[in-house]
Structure formats: structure tokens, C-alpha cells
């Protein structure tokens, strides 16, 4: 699964992350972490991606620098100790701003 994160980073370095591609890239990077650290949590990587794939809310403004930083931060995460929840990078919460409630 770590290969997916490396492939994502190589792709991002050259092209950035488009608003259309970010939800899929985010789900894949998240699942790379989750499945790698908690293999019993999901039946498969694809099942995880299906569950984690979300669209931004209404009226959101996409922030490409934050999205790029988010994917890098997810790729750099270490598995948490003793079953603790993984830390969610702040940049991931900043990838979409000004979303309507």
C-alpha cells in the first residue's frame, strides 16, 4: 500500500493536485495509512477507498497548496502506537474552505 502514497507524491510533485483529482487522491492516501496501520479495519484497500471517498460540501473553495501538503503529510505519517487513532494533518482540513453548512 505504501507504493500508492509514493506514486501520489511523485505525481503531485510534477503536476500539483487538481480539484477533481483530490477526493480520490485523499481517499487513497488515507487508506494507505489506515490499511497499513490497521489491516483488520477494512476487507481490502478498495473497500477502504470506497468508504473514504467523499466530495466537498456545497460552495467550497479548493486550496491546492493545502491539498498538496495534506497528501504529503498523510504519506509521512507513522502508524500510531497502541491502537491510537492516526493524527489527521491540519492541512487536510484546509484543502476546502468556505463550505456552506
PDB file of N, CA and C in Angstrom:
ATOM      1  N   UNK A   1       0.802  -1.186   0.000  1.00  0.00           N
ATOM      2  CA  UNK A   1       0.000   0.000   0.000  1.00  0.00           C
ATOM      3  C   UNK A   1       0.857   1.267   0.000  1.00  0.00           C
ATOM      4  N   UNK A   2       2.035   1.210   0.564  1.00  0.00           N
ATOM      5  CA  UNK A   2       2.902   2.375   0.620  1.00  0.00           C
ATOM      6  C   UNK A   2       3.258   2.843  -0.785  1.00  0.00           C
ATOM      7  N   UNK A   3       3.222   1.950  -1.754  1.00  0.00           N
ATOM      8  CA  UNK A   3       3.514   2.293  -3.142  1.00  0.00           C
ATOM      9  C   UNK A   3       2.535   3.367  -3.624  1.00  0.00           C
ATOM     10  N   UNK A   4       1.261   3.245  -3.243  1.00  0.00           N
ATOM     11  CA  UNK A   4       0.251   4.211  -3.679  1.00  0.00           C
ATOM     12  C   UNK A   4       0.636   5.613  -3.209  1.00  0.00           C
ATOM     13  N   UNK A   5       1.084   5.730  -1.962  1.00  0.00           N
ATOM     14  CA  UNK A   5       1.493   7.029  -1.444  1.00  0.00           C
ATOM     15  C   UNK A   5       2.677   7.591  -2.195  1.00  0.00           C
ATOM     16  N   UNK A   6       3.642   6.753  -2.518  1.00  0.00           N
ATOM     17  CA  UNK A   6       4.821   7.194  -3.261  1.00  0.00           C
ATOM     18  C   UNK A   6       4.420   7.629  -4.663  1.00  0.00           C
ATOM     19  N   UNK A   7       3.567   6.866  -5.316  1.00  0.00           N
ATOM     20  CA  UNK A   7       3.100   7.221  -6.657  1.00  0.00           C
ATOM     21  C   UNK A   7       2.357   8.556  -6.607  1.00  0.00           C
ATOM     22  N   UNK A   8       1.525   8.742  -5.596  1.00  0.00           N
ATOM     23  CA  UNK A   8       0.791  10.001  -5.455  1.00  0.00           C
ATOM     24  C   UNK A   8       1.748  11.169  -5.295  1.00  0.00           C
ATOM     25  N   UNK A   9       2.776  11.004  -4.462  1.00  0.00           N
ATOM     26  CA  UNK A   9       3.730  12.089  -4.255  1.00  0.00           C
ATOM     27  C   UNK A   9       4.516  12.423  -5.511  1.00  0.00           C
ATOM     28  N   UNK A  10       4.935  11.416  -6.252  1.00  0.00           N
ATOM     29  CA  UNK A  10       5.676  11.658  -7.489  1.00  0.00           C
ATOM     30  C   UNK A  10       4.785  12.410  -8.474  1.00  0.00           C
ATOM     31  N   UNK A  11       3.547  12.005  -8.588  1.00  0.00           N
ATOM     32  CA  UNK A  11       2.611  12.660  -9.489  1.00  0.00           C
ATOM     33  C   UNK A  11       2.376  14.104  -9.059  1.00  0.00           C
ATOM     34  N   UNK A  12       2.202  14.331  -7.746  1.00  0.00           N
ATOM     35  CA  UNK A  12       1.927  15.667  -7.242  1.00  0.00           C
ATOM     36  C   UNK A  12       3.090  16.611  -7.480  1.00  0.00           C
ATOM     37  N   UNK A  13       4.295  16.114  -7.343  1.00  0.00           N
ATOM     38  CA  UNK A  13       5.469  16.979  -7.473  1.00  0.00           C
ATOM     39  C   UNK A  13       5.525  17.626  -8.848  1.00  0.00           C
ATOM     40  N   UNK A  14       5.121  16.907  -9.873  1.00  0.00           N
ATOM     41  CA  UNK A  14       5.187  17.443 -11.218  1.00  0.00           C
ATOM     42  C   UNK A  14       3.969  18.226 -11.624  1.00  0.00           C
ATOM     43  N   UNK A  15       2.800  17.845 -11.162  1.00  0.00           N
ATOM     44  CA  UNK A  15       1.568  18.406 -11.688  1.00  0.00           C
ATOM     45  C   UNK A  15       0.697  19.125 -10.677  1.00  0.00           C
ATOM     46  N   UNK A  16       0.945  18.990  -9.414  1.00  0.00           N
ATOM     47  CA  UNK A  16       0.018  19.519  -8.432  1.00  0.00           C
ATOM     48  C   UNK A  16      -1.175  18.588  -8.319  1.00  0.00           C
ATOM     49  N   UNK A  17      -2.174  19.031  -7.607  1.00  0.00           N
ATOM     50  CA  UNK A  17      -3.361  18.210  -7.380  1.00  0.00           C
ATOM     51  C   UNK A  17      -4.567  19.010  -7.832  1.00  0.00           C
ATOM     52  N   UNK A  18      -5.255  18.534  -8.831  1.00  0.00           N
ATOM     53  CA  UNK A  18      -6.434  19.261  -9.305  1.00  0.00           C
ATOM     54  C   UNK A  18      -7.597  19.044  -8.345  1.00  0.00           C
ATOM     55  N   UNK A  19      -8.513  19.955  -8.370  1.00  0.00           N
ATOM     56  CA  UNK A  19      -9.710  19.851  -7.532  1.00  0.00           C
ATOM     57  C   UNK A  19     -10.487  18.580  -7.840  1.00  0.00           C
ATOM     58  N   UNK A  20     -10.505  18.187  -9.105  1.00  0.00           N
ATOM     59  CA  UNK A  20     -11.228  16.981  -9.495  1.00  0.00           C
ATOM     60  C   UNK A  20     -10.534  15.712  -9.002  1.00  0.00           C
ATOM     61  N   UNK A  21      -9.211  15.731  -8.945  1.00  0.00           N
ATOM     62  CA  UNK A  21      -8.457  14.540  -8.547  1.00  0.00           C
ATOM     63  C   UNK A  21      -8.255  14.418  -7.035  1.00  0.00           C
ATOM     64  N   UNK A  22      -8.404  15.521  -6.315  1.00  0.00           N
ATOM     65  CA  UNK A  22      -8.087  15.487  -4.896  1.00  0.00           C
ATOM     66  C   UNK A  22      -8.926  14.503  -4.084  1.00  0.00           C
ATOM     67  N   UNK A  23     -10.258  14.424  -4.256  1.00  0.00           N
ATOM     68  CA  UNK A  23     -11.009  13.463  -3.436  1.00  0.00           C
ATOM     69  C   UNK A  23     -10.484  12.026  -3.572  1.00  0.00           C
ATOM     70  N   UNK A  24     -10.187  11.582  -4.786  1.00  0.00           N
ATOM     71  CA  UNK A  24      -9.663  10.231  -4.989  1.00  0.00           C
ATOM     72  C   UNK A  24      -8.271  10.090  -4.379  1.00  0.00           C
ATOM     73  N   UNK A  25      -7.421  11.089  -4.590  1.00  0.00           N
ATOM     74  CA  UNK A  25      -6.070  11.045  -4.027  1.00  0.00           C
ATOM     75  C   UNK A  25      -6.104  11.041  -2.506  1.00  0.00           C
ATOM     76  N   UNK A  26      -7.010  11.819  -1.931  1.00  0.00           N
ATOM     77  CA  UNK A  26      -7.154  11.871  -0.478  1.00  0.00           C
ATOM     78  C   UNK A  26      -7.614  10.523   0.064  1.00  0.00           C
ATOM     79  N   UNK A  27      -8.609   9.923  -0.577  1.00  0.00           N
ATOM     80  CA  UNK A  27      -9.100   8.611  -0.132  1.00  0.00           C
ATOM     81  C   UNK A  27      -7.989   7.569  -0.215  1.00  0.00           C
ATOM     82  N   UNK A  28      -7.230   7.572  -1.296  1.00  0.00           N
ATOM     83  CA  UNK A  28      -6.156   6.592  -1.458  1.00  0.00           C
ATOM     84  C   UNK A  28      -5.045   6.795  -0.428  1.00  0.00           C
ATOM     85  N   UNK A  29      -4.664   8.050  -0.182  1.00  0.00           N
ATOM     86  CA  UNK A  29      -3.609   8.323   0.806  1.00  0.00           C
ATOM     87  C   UNK A  29      -4.088   7.974   2.210  1.00  0.00           C
ATOM     88  N   UNK A  30      -5.346   8.279   2.507  1.00  0.00           N
ATOM     89  CA  UNK A  30      -5.918   7.940   3.813  1.00  0.00           C
ATOM     90  C   UNK A  30      -5.937   6.430   4.003  1.00  0.00           C
ATOM     91  N   UNK A  31      -6.370   5.723   2.980  1.00  0.00           N
ATOM     92  CA  UNK A  31      -6.458   4.262   3.083  1.00  0.00           C
ATOM     93  C   UNK A  31      -5.097   3.594   3.101  1.00  0.00           C
ATOM     94  N   UNK A  32      -4.137   4.194   2.454  1.00  0.00           N
ATOM     95  CA  UNK A  32      -2.782   3.669   2.531  1.00  0.00           C
ATOM     96  C   UNK A  32      -2.348   3.647   3.994  1.00  0.00           C
ATOM     97  N   UNK A  33      -2.659   4.721   4.706  1.00  0.00           N
ATOM     98  CA  UNK A  33      -2.336   4.815   6.125  1.00  0.00           C
ATOM     99  C   UNK A  33      -3.184   3.844   6.951  1.00  0.00           C
ATOM    100  N   UNK A  34      -4.495   3.888   6.750  1.00  0.00           N
ATOM    101  CA  UNK A  34      -5.389   3.068   7.572  1.00  0.00           C
ATOM    102  C   UNK A  34      -5.165   1.575   7.386  1.00  0.00           C
ATOM    103  N   UNK A  35      -5.090   1.137   6.146  1.00  0.00           N
ATOM    104  CA  UNK A  35      -4.915  -0.302   5.872  1.00  0.00           C
ATOM    105  C   UNK A  35      -3.516  -0.756   6.288  1.00  0.00           C
ATOM    106  N   UNK A  36      -2.527   0.121   6.115  1.00  0.00           N
ATOM    107  CA  UNK A  36      -1.177  -0.232   6.528  1.00  0.00           C
ATOM    108  C   UNK A  36      -1.033  -0.361   8.030  1.00  0.00           C
ATOM    109  N   UNK A  37      -1.703   0.505   8.768  1.00  0.00           N
ATOM    110  CA  UNK A  37      -1.584   0.514  10.223  1.00  0.00           C
ATOM    111  C   UNK A  37      -2.616  -0.381  10.918  1.00  0.00           C
ATOM    112  N   UNK A  38      -3.774  -0.516  10.306  1.00  0.00           N
ATOM    113  CA  UNK A  38      -4.869  -1.285  10.905  1.00  0.00           C
ATOM    114  C   UNK A  38      -5.430  -2.270   9.874  1.00  0.00           C
ATOM    115  N   UNK A  39      -4.672  -3.322   9.548  1.00  0.00           N
ATOM    116  CA  UNK A  39      -5.078  -4.208   8.462  1.00  0.00           C
ATOM    117  C   UNK A  39      -6.432  -4.885   8.663  1.00  0.00           C
ATOM    118  N   UNK A  40      -6.879  -5.036   9.880  1.00  0.00           N
ATOM    119  CA  UNK A  40      -8.167  -5.693  10.116  1.00  0.00           C
ATOM    120  C   UNK A  40      -9.347  -4.730   9.989  1.00  0.00           C
ATOM    121  N   UNK A  41      -9.077  -3.447   9.819  1.00  0.00           N
ATOM    122  CA  UNK A  41     -10.145  -2.451   9.798  1.00  0.00           C
ATOM    123  C   UNK A  41     -10.992  -2.504   8.519  1.00  0.00           C
ATOM    124  N   UNK A  42     -10.399  -2.949   7.420  1.00  0.00           N
ATOM    125  CA  UNK A  42     -11.105  -2.984   6.141  1.00  0.00           C
ATOM    126  C   UNK A  42     -10.854  -4.319   5.461  1.00  0.00           C
ATOM    127  N   UNK A  43     -11.823  -4.747   4.703  1.00  0.00           N
ATOM    128  CA  UNK A  43     -11.702  -6.004   3.951  1.00  0.00           C
ATOM    129  C   UNK A  43     -10.600  -5.910   2.908  1.00  0.00           C
ATOM    130  N   UNK A  44     -10.456  -4.719   2.312  1.00  0.00           N
ATOM    131  CA  UNK A  44      -9.437  -4.523   1.284  1.00  0.00           C
ATOM    132  C   UNK A  44      -9.154  -3.027   1.147  1.00  0.00           C
ATOM    133  N   UNK A  45      -8.088  -2.716   0.442  1.00  0.00           N
ATOM    134  CA  UNK A  45      -7.748  -1.323   0.150  1.00  0.00           C
ATOM    135  C   UNK A  45      -8.889  -0.665  -0.623  1.00  0.00           C
ATOM    136  N   UNK A  46      -9.425  -1.368  -1.615  1.00  0.00           N
ATOM    137  CA  UNK A  46     -10.516  -0.806  -2.426  1.00  0.00           C
ATOM    138  C   UNK A  46     -11.766  -0.542  -1.601  1.00  0.00           C
ATOM    139  N   UNK A  47     -12.057  -1.431  -0.646  1.00  0.00           N
ATOM    140  CA  UNK A  47     -13.215  -1.224   0.231  1.00  0.00           C
ATOM    141  C   UNK A  47     -13.017   0.037   1.070  1.00  0.00           C
ATOM    142  N   UNK A  48     -11.811   0.240   1.537  1.00  0.00           N
ATOM    143  CA  UNK A  48     -11.488   1.443   2.302  1.00  0.00           C
ATOM    144  C   UNK A  48     -11.682   2.688   1.440  1.00  0.00           C
ATOM    145  N   UNK A  49     -11.138   2.667   0.235  1.00  0.00           N
ATOM    146  CA  UNK A  49     -11.253   3.825  -0.661  1.00  0.00           C
ATOM    147  C   UNK A  49     -12.722   4.135  -0.940  1.00  0.00           C
ATOM    148  N   UNK A  50     -13.524   3.116  -1.168  1.00  0.00           N
ATOM    149  CA  UNK A  50     -14.953   3.331  -1.425  1.00  0.00           C
ATOM    150  C   UNK A  50     -15.625   4.032  -0.253  1.00  0.00           C
ATOM    151  N   UNK A  51     -15.244   3.646   0.958  1.00  0.00           N
ATOM    152  CA  UNK A  51     -15.834   4.250   2.154  1.00  0.00           C
ATOM    153  C   UNK A  51     -15.291   5.657   2.414  1.00  0.00           C
ATOM    154  N   UNK A  52     -14.036   5.878   2.135  1.00  0.00           N
ATOM    155  CA  UNK A  52     -13.391   7.161   2.439  1.00  0.00           C
ATOM    156  C   UNK A  52     -13.597   8.223   1.368  1.00  0.00           C
ATOM    157  N   UNK A  53     -14.012   7.826   0.174  1.00  0.00           N
ATOM    158  CA  UNK A  53     -14.172   8.769  -0.934  1.00  0.00           C
ATOM    159  C   UNK A  53     -15.357   9.693  -0.658  1.00  0.00           C
ATOM    160  N   UNK A  54     -15.069  10.959  -0.479  1.00  0.00           N
ATOM    161  CA  UNK A  54     -16.120  11.937  -0.211  1.00  0.00           C
ATOM    162  C   UNK A  54     -15.940  13.143  -1.131  1.00  0.00           C
ATOM    163  N   UNK A  55     -17.021  13.797  -1.382  1.00  0.00           N
ATOM    164  CA  UNK A  55     -16.986  15.022  -2.187  1.00  0.00           C
ATOM    165  C   UNK A  55     -17.004  16.208  -1.236  1.00  0.00           C
ATOM    166  N   UNK A  56     -16.473  17.337  -1.658  1.00  0.00           N
ATOM    167  CA  UNK A  56     -16.527  18.515  -0.792  1.00  0.00           C
ATOM    168  C   UNK A  56     -17.970  18.977  -0.613  1.00  0.00           C
ATOM    169  N   UNK A  57     -18.192  19.748   0.419  1.00  0.00           N
ATOM    170  CA  UNK A  57     -19.518  20.296   0.655  1.00  0.00           C
ATOM    171  C   UNK A  57     -19.883  21.358  -0.371  1.00  0.00           C
ATOM    172  N   UNK A  58     -21.038  21.917  -0.207  1.00  0.00           N
ATOM    173  CA  UNK A  58     -21.548  22.933  -1.122  1.00  0.00           C
ATOM    174  C   UNK A  58     -20.790  24.249  -0.964  1.00  0.00           C
ATOM    175  N   UNK A  59     -20.417  24.835  -2.080  1.00  0.00           N
ATOM    176  CA  UNK A  59     -19.793  26.149  -2.088  1.00  0.00           C
ATOM    177  C   UNK A  59     -18.353  26.191  -1.622  1.00  0.00           C
ATOM    178  N   UNK A  60     -17.716  25.052  -1.506  1.00  0.00           N
ATOM    179  CA  UNK A  60     -16.341  25.015  -1.014  1.00  0.00           C
ATOM    180  C   UNK A  60     -15.369  25.635  -2.022  1.00  0.00           C
ATOM    181  N   UNK A  61     -14.338  26.251  -1.477  1.00  0.00           N
ATOM    182  CA  UNK A  61     -13.259  26.808  -2.285  1.00  0.00           C
ATOM    183  C   UNK A  61     -12.055  25.890  -2.107  1.00  0.00           C
ATOM    184  N   UNK A  62     -11.541  25.382  -3.210  1.00  0.00           N
ATOM    185  CA  UNK A  62     -10.420  24.442  -3.185  1.00  0.00           C
ATOM    186  C   UNK A  62      -9.106  25.179  -2.992  1.00  0.00           C
ATOM    187  N   UNK A  63      -8.306  24.688  -2.062  1.00  0.00           N
ATOM    188  CA  UNK A  63      -6.995  25.278  -1.767  1.00  0.00           C
ATOM    189  C   UNK A  63      -5.907  24.274  -2.166  1.00  0.00           C
ATOM    190  N   UNK A  64      -5.377  24.397  -3.367  1.00  0.00           N
ATOM    191  CA  UNK A  64      -4.414  23.429  -3.888  1.00  0.00           C
ATOM    192  C   UNK A  64      -3.159  23.297  -3.028  1.00  0.00           C
ATOM    193  N   UNK A  65      -2.572  24.391  -2.523  1.00  0.00           N
ATOM    194  CA  UNK A  65      -1.380  24.213  -1.680  1.00  0.00           C
ATOM    195  C   UNK A  65      -1.667  23.364  -0.434  1.00  0.00           C
ATOM    196  N   UNK A  66      -2.806  23.583   0.197  1.00  0.00           N
ATOM    197  CA  UNK A  66      -3.171  22.783   1.371  1.00  0.00           C
ATOM    198  C   UNK A  66      -3.422  21.329   0.976  1.00  0.00           C
ATOM    199  N   UNK A  67      -4.056  21.114  -0.172  1.00  0.00           N
ATOM    200  CA  UNK A  67      -4.309  19.744  -0.643  1.00  0.00           C
ATOM    201  C   UNK A  67      -2.993  19.014  -0.887  1.00  0.00           C
ATOM    202  N   UNK A  68      -2.061  19.684  -1.516  1.00  0.00           N
ATOM    203  CA  UNK A  68      -0.740  19.092  -1.774  1.00  0.00           C
ATOM    204  C   UNK A  68      -0.042  18.766  -0.455  1.00  0.00           C
ATOM    205  N   UNK A  69      -0.070  19.716   0.493  1.00  0.00           N
ATOM    206  CA  UNK A  69       0.545  19.491   1.802  1.00  0.00           C
ATOM    207  C   UNK A  69      -0.140  18.350   2.550  1.00  0.00           C
ATOM    208  N   UNK A  70      -1.449  18.263   2.411  1.00  0.00           N
ATOM    209  CA  UNK A  70      -2.217  17.199   3.053  1.00  0.00           C
ATOM    210  C   UNK A  70      -1.744  15.823   2.596  1.00  0.00           C
ATOM    211  N   UNK A  71      -1.636  15.643   1.292  1.00  0.00           N
ATOM    212  CA  UNK A  71      -1.228  14.339   0.767  1.00  0.00           C
ATOM    213  C   UNK A  71       0.199  14.006   1.174  1.00  0.00           C
ATOM    214  N   UNK A  72       1.056  14.992   1.192  1.00  0.00           N
ATOM    215  CA  UNK A  72       2.436  14.759   1.662  1.00  0.00           C
ATOM    216  C   UNK A  72       2.449  14.356   3.127  1.00  0.00           C
ATOM    217  N   UNK A  73       1.661  15.071   3.939  1.00  0.00           N
ATOM    218  CA  UNK A  73       1.615  14.775   5.372  1.00  0.00           C
ATOM    219  C   UNK A  73       1.054  13.377   5.629  1.00  0.00           C
ATOM    220  N   UNK A  74       0.023  12.993   4.891  1.00  0.00           N
ATOM    221  CA  UNK A  74      -0.533  11.645   5.057  1.00  0.00           C
ATOM    222  C   UNK A  74       0.499  10.587   4.696  1.00  0.00           C
ATOM    223  N   UNK A  75       1.259  10.839   3.651  1.00  0.00           N
ATOM    224  CA  UNK A  75       2.285   9.890   3.233  1.00  0.00           C
ATOM    225  C   UNK A  75       3.388   9.761   4.280  1.00  0.00           C
ATOM    226  N   UNK A  76       3.646  10.834   5.016  1.00  0.00           N
ATOM    227  CA  UNK A  76       4.719  10.837   6.015  1.00  0.00           C
ATOM    228  C   UNK A  76       4.297  10.322   7.384  1.00  0.00           C
ATOM    229  N   UNK A  77       3.004  10.091   7.593  1.00  0.00           N
ATOM    230  CA  UNK A  77       2.538   9.636   8.905  1.00  0.00           C
ATOM    231  C   UNK A  77       3.113   8.271   9.266  1.00  0.00           C
ATOM    232  N   UNK A  78       3.411   8.117  10.515  1.00  0.00           N
ATOM    233  CA  UNK A  78       3.816   6.824  11.061  1.00  0.00           C
ATOM    234  C   UNK A  78       2.588   6.179  11.691  1.00  0.00           C
ATOM    235  N   UNK A  79       2.586   4.875  11.779  1.00  0.00           N
ATOM    236  CA  UNK A  79       1.487   4.195  12.452  1.00  0.00           C
ATOM    237  C   UNK A  79       1.503   4.591  13.929  1.00  0.00           C
ATOM    238  N   UNK A  80       0.328   4.914  14.473  1.00  0.00           N
ATOM    239  CA  UNK A  80       0.271   5.292  15.886  1.00  0.00           C
ATOM    240  C   UNK A  80       0.550   4.081  16.779  1.00  0.00           C
ATOM    241  N   UNK A  81       0.986   4.372  17.975  1.00  0.00           N
ATOM    242  CA  UNK A  81       1.292   3.315  18.938  1.00  0.00           C
ATOM    243  C   UNK A  81       0.033   2.865  19.669  1.00  0.00           C
ATOM    244  N   UNK A  82       0.023   1.617  20.067  1.00  0.00           N
ATOM    245  CA  UNK A  82      -1.019   1.065  20.938  1.00  0.00           C
ATOM    246  C   UNK A  82      -2.439   1.293  20.443  1.00  0.00           C
ATOM    247  N   UNK A  83      -2.651   1.247  19.149  1.00  0.00           N
ATOM    248  CA  UNK A  83      -4.004   1.346  18.600  1.00  0.00           C
ATOM    249  C   UNK A  83      -4.622   2.730  18.652  1.00  0.00           C
ATOM    250  N   UNK A  84      -3.846   3.738  18.944  1.00  0.00           N
ATOM    251  CA  UNK A  84      -4.371   5.108  18.959  1.00  0.00           C
ATOM    252  C   UNK A  84      -4.803   5.505  17.549  1.00  0.00           C
ATOM    253  N   UNK A  85      -5.690   6.452  17.477  1.00  0.00           N
ATOM    254  CA  UNK A  85      -6.139   6.941  16.170  1.00  0.00           C
ATOM    255  C   UNK A  85      -5.003   7.711  15.501  1.00  0.00           C
ATOM    256  N   UNK A  86      -4.871   7.573  14.185  1.00  0.00           N
ATOM    257  CA  UNK A  86      -3.835   8.343  13.489  1.00  0.00           C
ATOM    258  C   UNK A  86      -4.126   9.840  13.573  1.00  0.00           C
ATOM    259  N   UNK A  87      -3.077  10.622  13.599  1.00  0.00           N
ATOM    260  CA  UNK A  87      -3.234  12.082  13.610  1.00  0.00           C
ATOM    261  C   UNK A  87      -3.713  12.539  12.237  1.00  0.00           C
ATOM    262  N   UNK A  88      -4.677  13.420  12.203  1.00  0.00           N
ATOM    263  CA  UNK A  88      -5.179  13.957  10.933  1.00  0.00           C
ATOM    264  C   UNK A  88      -4.441  15.257  10.652  1.00  0.00           C
ATOM    265  N   UNK A  89      -3.690  15.331   9.565  1.00  0.00           N
ATOM    266  CA  UNK A  89      -2.934  16.561   9.269  1.00  0.00           C
ATOM    267  C   UNK A  89      -3.851  17.778   9.136  1.00  0.00           C
ATOM    268  N   UNK A  90      -3.453  18.874   9.765  1.00  0.00           N
ATOM    269  CA  UNK A  90      -4.251  20.109   9.699  1.00  0.00           C
ATOM    270  C   UNK A  90      -4.458  20.572   8.266  1.00  0.00           C
ATOM    271  N   UNK A  91      -3.455  20.349   7.423  1.00  0.00           N
ATOM    272  CA  UNK A  91      -3.568  20.798   6.032  1.00  0.00           C
ATOM    273  C   UNK A  91      -4.724  20.105   5.310  1.00  0.00           C
ATOM    274  N   UNK A  92      -5.085  18.902   5.749  1.00  0.00           N
ATOM    275  CA  UNK A  92      -6.207  18.195   5.103  1.00  0.00           C
ATOM    276  C   UNK A  92      -7.521  18.910   5.375  1.00  0.00           C
ATOM    277  N   UNK A  93      -7.651  19.480   6.563  1.00  0.00           N
ATOM    278  CA  UNK A  93      -8.868  20.221   6.902  1.00  0.00           C
ATOM    279  C   UNK A  93      -8.922  21.569   6.185  1.00  0.00           C
ATOM    280  N   UNK A  94      -7.788  22.018   5.672  1.00  0.00           N
ATOM    281  CA  UNK A  94      -7.740  23.323   4.988  1.00  0.00           C
ATOM    282  C   UNK A  94      -7.807  23.204   3.466  1.00  0.00           C
ATOM    283  N   UNK A  95      -7.940  21.986   2.944  1.00  0.00           N
ATOM    284  CA  UNK A  95      -7.954  21.807   1.489  1.00  0.00           C
ATOM    285  C   UNK A  95      -9.210  22.386   0.852  1.00  0.00           C
ATOM    286  N   UNK A  96     -10.300  22.388   1.590  1.00  0.00           N
ATOM    287  CA  UNK A  96     -11.523  23.038   1.130  1.00  0.00           C
ATOM    288  C   UNK A  96     -11.937  24.030   2.205  1.00  0.00           C
ATOM    289  N   UNK A  97     -12.169  25.260   1.811  1.00  0.00           N
ATOM    290  CA  UNK A  97     -12.585  26.282   2.767  1.00  0.00           C
ATOM    291  C   UNK A  97     -13.898  26.897   2.315  1.00  0.00           C
ATOM    292  N   UNK A  98     -14.490  27.653   3.206  1.00  0.00           N
ATOM    293  CA  UNK A  98     -15.713  28.397   2.923  1.00  0.00           C
ATOM    294  C   UNK A  98     -16.885  27.515   2.523  1.00  0.00           C
ATOM    295  N   UNK A  99     -16.909  26.290   3.025  1.00  0.00           N
ATOM    296  CA  UNK A  99     -18.009  25.381   2.698  1.00  0.00           C
ATOM    297  C   UNK A  99     -19.282  25.822   3.418  1.00  0.00           C
ATOM    298  N   UNK A 100     -20.407  25.715   2.740  1.00  0.00           N
ATOM    299  CA  UNK A 100     -21.692  26.048   3.357  1.00  0.00           C
ATOM    300  C   UNK A 100     -22.057  24.961   4.364  1.00  0.00           C
ATOM    301  N   UNK A 101     -22.691  25.345   5.458  1.00  0.00           N
ATOM    302  CA  UNK A 101     -23.070  24.339   6.468  1.00  0.00           C
ATOM    303  C   UNK A 101     -24.140  23.400   5.968  1.00  0.00           C
TER     304      UNK A 101
END
